[in-house]
Amino acid sequence: MKQVMNAYRKKSLDKQRLAVLRLELNYELAVLFEAIQEENEEVKSKTKRKLERIRQELVKLEGL
């Protein structure tokens, strides 16, 4: 029974993390859009790195 509860908690935490990652993804895409419009290469580069980290984490979570 303890294993079932632990599995349920883990699944719940994964769902919460997935929701947070999606919010982060949307925010960073908006930041990237603004940086592209303003032709700000530094912000574009920084945001792309953040988006790559988010993408990797999403792939990892969705693979579970």
PDB file of N, CA and C in Angstrom:
ATOM      1  N   MET A   1       0.828  -1.194   0.000  1.00  0.00           N
ATOM      2  CA  MET A   1       0.000   0.000   0.000  1.00  0.00           C
ATOM      3  C   MET A   1       0.871   1.258   0.000  1.00  0.00           C
ATOM      4  N   LYS A   2       1.979   1.192   0.735  1.00  0.00           N
ATOM      5  CA  LYS A   2       2.885   2.331   0.812  1.00  0.00           C
ATOM      6  C   LYS A   2       3.465   2.665  -0.566  1.00  0.00           C
ATOM      7  N   GLN A   3       3.772   1.637  -1.343  1.00  0.00           N
ATOM      8  CA  GLN A   3       4.315   1.844  -2.681  1.00  0.00           C
ATOM      9  C   GLN A   3       3.294   2.518  -3.587  1.00  0.00           C
ATOM     10  N   VAL A   4       2.037   2.145  -3.445  1.00  0.00           N
ATOM     11  CA  VAL A   4       0.966   2.747  -4.246  1.00  0.00           C
ATOM     12  C   VAL A   4       0.855   4.233  -3.918  1.00  0.00           C
ATOM     13  N   MET A   5       0.903   4.562  -2.644  1.00  0.00           N
ATOM     14  CA  MET A   5       0.810   5.963  -2.225  1.00  0.00           C
ATOM     15  C   MET A   5       2.009   6.768  -2.729  1.00  0.00           C
ATOM     16  N   ASN A   6       3.189   6.182  -2.645  1.00  0.00           N
ATOM     17  CA  ASN A   6       4.385   6.869  -3.145  1.00  0.00           C
ATOM     18  C   ASN A   6       4.306   7.098  -4.646  1.00  0.00           C
ATOM     19  N   ALA A   7       3.827   6.107  -5.376  1.00  0.00           N
ATOM     20  CA  ALA A   7       3.673   6.244  -6.822  1.00  0.00           C
ATOM     21  C   ALA A   7       2.662   7.334  -7.153  1.00  0.00           C
ATOM     22  N   TYR A   8       1.576   7.381  -6.397  1.00  0.00           N
ATOM     23  CA  TYR A   8       0.547   8.408  -6.616  1.00  0.00           C
ATOM     24  C   TYR A   8       1.117   9.804  -6.358  1.00  0.00           C
ATOM     25  N   ARG A   9       1.878   9.947  -5.273  1.00  0.00           N
ATOM     26  CA  ARG A   9       2.486  11.249  -4.947  1.00  0.00           C
ATOM     27  C   ARG A   9       3.458  11.685  -6.032  1.00  0.00           C
ATOM     28  N   LYS A  10       4.263  10.743  -6.503  1.00  0.00           N
ATOM     29  CA  LYS A  10       5.235  11.060  -7.546  1.00  0.00           C
ATOM     30  C   LYS A  10       4.523  11.508  -8.811  1.00  0.00           C
ATOM     31  N   LYS A  11       3.457  10.813  -9.172  1.00  0.00           N
ATOM     32  CA  LYS A  11       2.708  11.175 -10.372  1.00  0.00           C
ATOM     33  C   LYS A  11       2.095  12.569 -10.219  1.00  0.00           C
ATOM     34  N   SER A  12       1.594  12.851  -9.033  1.00  0.00           N
ATOM     35  CA  SER A  12       1.006  14.161  -8.760  1.00  0.00           C
ATOM     36  C   SER A  12       2.062  15.262  -8.855  1.00  0.00           C
ATOM     37  N   LEU A  13       3.235  15.010  -8.295  1.00  0.00           N
ATOM     38  CA  LEU A  13       4.322  15.988  -8.367  1.00  0.00           C
ATOM     39  C   LEU A  13       4.783  16.196  -9.803  1.00  0.00           C
ATOM     40  N   ASP A  14       4.839  15.111 -10.578  1.00  0.00           N
ATOM     41  CA  ASP A  14       5.221  15.223 -11.984  1.00  0.00           C
ATOM     42  C   ASP A  14       4.223  16.085 -12.750  1.00  0.00           C
ATOM     43  N   LYS A  15       2.935  15.915 -12.465  1.00  0.00           N
ATOM     44  CA  LYS A  15       1.912  16.731 -13.128  1.00  0.00           C
ATOM     45  C   LYS A  15       2.077  18.203 -12.774  1.00  0.00           C
ATOM     46  N   GLN A  16       2.364  18.465 -11.501  1.00  0.00           N
ATOM     47  CA  GLN A  16       2.568  19.849 -11.071  1.00  0.00           C
ATOM     48  C   GLN A  16       3.793  20.448 -11.747  1.00  0.00           C
ATOM     49  N   ARG A  17       4.870  19.688 -11.801  1.00  0.00           N
ATOM     50  CA  ARG A  17       6.104  20.178 -12.437  1.00  0.00           C
ATOM     51  C   ARG A  17       5.872  20.435 -13.917  1.00  0.00           C
ATOM     52  N   LEU A  18       5.101  19.570 -14.560  1.00  0.00           N
ATOM     53  CA  LEU A  18       4.779  19.740 -15.971  1.00  0.00           C
ATOM     54  C   LEU A  18       4.017  21.042 -16.193  1.00  0.00           C
ATOM     55  N   ALA A  19       3.076  21.344 -15.324  1.00  0.00           N
ATOM     56  CA  ALA A  19       2.308  22.586 -15.435  1.00  0.00           C
ATOM     57  C   ALA A  19       3.219  23.802 -15.266  1.00  0.00           C
ATOM     58  N   VAL A  20       4.128  23.734 -14.310  1.00  0.00           N
ATOM     59  CA  VAL A  20       5.061  24.842 -14.086  1.00  0.00           C
ATOM     60  C   VAL A  20       5.972  25.022 -15.295  1.00  0.00           C
ATOM     61  N   LEU A  21       6.451  23.923 -15.843  1.00  0.00           N
ATOM     62  CA  LEU A  21       7.323  24.003 -17.018  1.00  0.00           C
ATOM     63  C   LEU A  21       6.599  24.618 -18.209  1.00  0.00           C
ATOM     64  N   ARG A  22       5.342  24.295 -18.372  1.00  0.00           N
ATOM     65  CA  ARG A  22       4.574  24.884 -19.477  1.00  0.00           C
ATOM     66  C   ARG A  22       4.422  26.391 -19.299  1.00  0.00           C
ATOM     67  N   LEU A  23       4.203  26.821 -18.060  1.00  0.00           N
ATOM     68  CA  LEU A  23       4.128  28.264 -17.792  1.00  0.00           C
ATOM     69  C   LEU A  23       5.473  28.938 -18.083  1.00  0.00           C
ATOM     70  N   GLU A  24       6.552  28.311 -17.637  1.00  0.00           N
ATOM     71  CA  GLU A  24       7.887  28.845 -17.912  1.00  0.00           C
ATOM     72  C   GLU A  24       8.142  28.914 -19.414  1.00  0.00           C
ATOM     73  N   LEU A  25       7.731  27.880 -20.115  1.00  0.00           N
ATOM     74  CA  LEU A  25       7.911  27.827 -21.562  1.00  0.00           C
ATOM     75  C   LEU A  25       7.193  28.993 -22.235  1.00  0.00           C
ATOM     76  N   ASN A  26       5.945  29.212 -21.873  1.00  0.00           N
ATOM     77  CA  ASN A  26       5.183  30.311 -22.459  1.00  0.00           C
ATOM     78  C   ASN A  26       5.828  31.663 -22.165  1.00  0.00           C
ATOM     79  N   TYR A  27       6.279  31.843 -20.931  1.00  0.00           N
ATOM     80  CA  TYR A  27       6.919  33.105 -20.560  1.00  0.00           C
ATOM     81  C   TYR A  27       8.197  33.328 -21.370  1.00  0.00           C
ATOM     82  N   GLU A  28       9.042  32.312 -21.448  1.00  0.00           N
ATOM     83  CA  GLU A  28      10.308  32.450 -22.168  1.00  0.00           C
ATOM     84  C   GLU A  28      10.078  32.672 -23.662  1.00  0.00           C
ATOM     85  N   LEU A  29       9.037  32.073 -24.213  1.00  0.00           N
ATOM     86  CA  LEU A  29       8.719  32.326 -25.620  1.00  0.00           C
ATOM     87  C   LEU A  29       8.319  33.784 -25.828  1.00  0.00           C
ATOM     88  N   ALA A  30       7.582  34.345 -24.883  1.00  0.00           N
ATOM     89  CA  ALA A  30       7.203  35.762 -24.965  1.00  0.00           C
ATOM     90  C   ALA A  30       8.444  36.652 -24.866  1.00  0.00           C
ATOM     91  N   VAL A  31       9.362  36.294 -23.971  1.00  0.00           N
ATOM     92  CA  VAL A  31      10.612  37.054 -23.829  1.00  0.00           C
ATOM     93  C   VAL A  31      11.419  36.975 -25.121  1.00  0.00           C
ATOM     94  N   LEU A  32      11.493  35.781 -25.699  1.00  0.00           N
ATOM     95  CA  LEU A  32      12.224  35.602 -26.953  1.00  0.00           C
ATOM     96  C   LEU A  32      11.595  36.430 -28.068  1.00  0.00           C
ATOM     97  N   PHE A  33      10.287  36.445 -28.143  1.00  0.00           N
ATOM     98  CA  PHE A  33       9.585  37.227 -29.159  1.00  0.00           C
ATOM     99  C   PHE A  33       9.952  38.711 -29.049  1.00  0.00           C
ATOM    100  N   GLU A  34       9.940  39.226 -27.823  1.00  0.00           N
ATOM    101  CA  GLU A  34      10.304  40.633 -27.611  1.00  0.00           C
ATOM    102  C   GLU A  34      11.763  40.889 -27.987  1.00  0.00           C
ATOM    103  N   ALA A  35      12.639  39.976 -27.627  1.00  0.00           N
ATOM    104  CA  ALA A  35      14.059  40.138 -27.939  1.00  0.00           C
ATOM    105  C   ALA A  35      14.293  40.133 -29.445  1.00  0.00           C
ATOM    106  N   ILE A  36      13.551  39.306 -30.155  1.00  0.00           N
ATOM    107  CA  ILE A  36      13.676  39.263 -31.614  1.00  0.00           C
ATOM    108  C   ILE A  36      13.214  40.589 -32.206  1.00  0.00           C
ATOM    109  N   GLN A  37      12.091  41.093 -31.717  1.00  0.00           N
ATOM    110  CA  GLN A  37      11.583  42.367 -32.221  1.00  0.00           C
ATOM    111  C   GLN A  37      12.550  43.512 -31.932  1.00  0.00           C
ATOM    112  N   GLU A  38      13.172  43.482 -30.770  1.00  0.00           N
ATOM    113  CA  GLU A  38      14.102  44.547 -30.376  1.00  0.00           C
ATOM    114  C   GLU A  38      15.518  44.294 -30.886  1.00  0.00           C
ATOM    115  N   GLU A  39      15.719  43.158 -31.537  1.00  0.00           N
ATOM    116  CA  GLU A  39      17.022  42.741 -32.057  1.00  0.00           C
ATOM    117  C   GLU A  39      18.088  42.720 -30.956  1.00  0.00           C
ATOM    118  N   ASN A  40      17.707  42.196 -29.808  1.00  0.00           N
ATOM    119  CA  ASN A  40      18.600  42.095 -28.653  1.00  0.00           C
ATOM    120  C   ASN A  40      19.223  40.697 -28.641  1.00  0.00           C
ATOM    121  N   GLU A  41      20.431  40.607 -29.155  1.00  0.00           N
ATOM    122  CA  GLU A  41      21.094  39.310 -29.308  1.00  0.00           C
ATOM    123  C   GLU A  41      21.420  38.653 -27.965  1.00  0.00           C
ATOM    124  N   GLU A  42      21.777  39.455 -26.984  1.00  0.00           N
ATOM    125  CA  GLU A  42      22.132  38.898 -25.672  1.00  0.00           C
ATOM    126  C   GLU A  42      20.930  38.207 -25.024  1.00  0.00           C
ATOM    127  N   VAL A  43      19.791  38.869 -25.038  1.00  0.00           N
ATOM    128  CA  VAL A  43      18.579  38.294 -24.447  1.00  0.00           C
ATOM    129  C   VAL A  43      18.120  37.089 -25.260  1.00  0.00           C
ATOM    130  N   LYS A  44      18.227  37.185 -26.585  1.00  0.00           N
ATOM    131  CA  LYS A  44      17.840  36.043 -27.429  1.00  0.00           C
ATOM    132  C   LYS A  44      18.659  34.811 -27.077  1.00  0.00           C
ATOM    133  N   SER A  45      19.947  34.979 -26.954  1.00  0.00           N
ATOM    134  CA  SER A  45      20.830  33.856 -26.646  1.00  0.00           C
ATOM    135  C   SER A  45      20.517  33.259 -25.274  1.00  0.00           C
ATOM    136  N   LYS A  46      20.356  34.129 -24.281  1.00  0.00           N
ATOM    137  CA  LYS A  46      20.056  33.678 -22.923  1.00  0.00           C
ATOM    138  C   LYS A  46      18.721  32.932 -22.879  1.00  0.00           C
ATOM    139  N   THR A  47      17.730  33.455 -23.563  1.00  0.00           N
ATOM    140  CA  THR A  47      16.399  32.852 -23.571  1.00  0.00           C
ATOM    141  C   THR A  47      16.406  31.509 -24.298  1.00  0.00           C
ATOM    142  N   LYS A  48      17.156  31.432 -25.372  1.00  0.00           N
ATOM    143  CA  LYS A  48      17.247  30.163 -26.100  1.00  0.00           C
ATOM    144  C   LYS A  48      17.846  29.069 -25.216  1.00  0.00           C
ATOM    145  N   ARG A  49      18.836  29.431 -24.405  1.00  0.00           N
ATOM    146  CA  ARG A  49      19.428  28.446 -23.482  1.00  0.00           C
ATOM    147  C   ARG A  49      18.393  27.987 -22.453  1.00  0.00           C
ATOM    148  N   LYS A  50      17.612  28.938 -21.941  1.00  0.00           N
ATOM    149  CA  LYS A  50      16.565  28.582 -20.979  1.00  0.00           C
ATOM    150  C   LYS A  50      15.521  27.681 -21.633  1.00  0.00           C
ATOM    151  N   LEU A  51      15.150  28.002 -22.858  1.00  0.00           N
ATOM    152  CA  LEU A  51      14.161  27.189 -23.564  1.00  0.00           C
ATOM    153  C   LEU A  51      14.680  25.774 -23.805  1.00  0.00           C
ATOM    154  N   GLU A  52      15.951  25.653 -24.104  1.00  0.00           N
ATOM    155  CA  GLU A  52      16.540  24.325 -24.308  1.00  0.00           C
ATOM    156  C   GLU A  52      16.496  23.510 -23.016  1.00  0.00           C
ATOM    157  N   ARG A  53      16.788  24.151 -21.878  1.00  0.00           N
ATOM    158  CA  ARG A  53      16.721  23.465 -20.585  1.00  0.00           C
ATOM    159  C   ARG A  53      15.296  23.009 -20.290  1.00  0.00           C
ATOM    160  N   ILE A  54      14.338  23.871 -20.563  1.00  0.00           N
ATOM    161  CA  ILE A  54      12.930  23.534 -20.339  1.00  0.00           C
ATOM    162  C   ILE A  54      12.522  22.374 -21.245  1.00  0.00           C
ATOM    163  N   ARG A  55      12.950  22.432 -22.503  1.00  0.00           N
ATOM    164  CA  ARG A  55      12.618  21.360 -23.447  1.00  0.00           C
ATOM    165  C   ARG A  55      13.163  20.017 -22.966  1.00  0.00           C
ATOM    166  N   GLN A  56      14.403  20.016 -22.514  1.00  0.00           N
ATOM    167  CA  GLN A  56      15.007  18.774 -22.035  1.00  0.00           C
ATOM    168  C   GLN A  56      14.252  18.220 -20.831  1.00  0.00           C
ATOM    169  N   GLU A  57      13.859  19.098 -19.937  1.00  0.00           N
ATOM    170  CA  GLU A  57      13.130  18.647 -18.752  1.00  0.00           C
ATOM    171  C   GLU A  57      11.741  18.130 -19.127  1.00  0.00           C
ATOM    172  N   LEU A  58      11.094  18.789 -20.087  1.00  0.00           N
ATOM    173  CA  LEU A  58       9.781  18.325 -20.544  1.00  0.00           C
ATOM    174  C   LEU A  58       9.877  16.940 -21.176  1.00  0.00           C
ATOM    175  N   VAL A  59      10.879  16.748 -22.004  1.00  0.00           N
ATOM    176  CA  VAL A  59      11.068  15.441 -22.647  1.00  0.00           C
ATOM    177  C   VAL A  59      11.289  14.369 -21.585  1.00  0.00           C
ATOM    178  N   LYS A  60      12.098  14.695 -20.592  1.00  0.00           N
ATOM    179  CA  LYS A  60      12.383  13.745 -19.508  1.00  0.00           C
ATOM    180  C   LYS A  60      11.109  13.405 -18.729  1.00  0.00           C
ATOM    181  N   LEU A  61      10.321  14.416 -18.392  1.00  0.00           N
ATOM    182  CA  LEU A  61       9.096  14.186 -17.624  1.00  0.00           C
ATOM    183  C   LEU A  61       8.043  13.431 -18.424  1.00  0.00           C
ATOM    184  N   GLU A  62       7.902  13.779 -19.684  1.00  0.00           N
ATOM    185  CA  GLU A  62       6.878  13.132 -20.501  1.00  0.00           C
ATOM    186  C   GLU A  62       7.248  11.698 -20.833  1.00  0.00           C
ATOM    187  N   GLY A  63       8.530  11.375 -20.723  1.00  0.00           N
ATOM    188  CA  GLY A  63       8.975  10.015 -20.985  1.00  0.00           C
ATOM    189  C   GLY A  63       8.700   9.063 -19.828  1.00  0.00           C
ATOM    190  N   LEU A  64       8.322   9.610 -18.677  1.00  0.00           N
ATOM    191  CA  LEU A  64       8.088   8.764 -17.495  1.00  0.00           C
ATOM    192  C   LEU A  64       6.763   8.064 -17.547  1.00  0.00           C
TER     193      LEU A  64
END
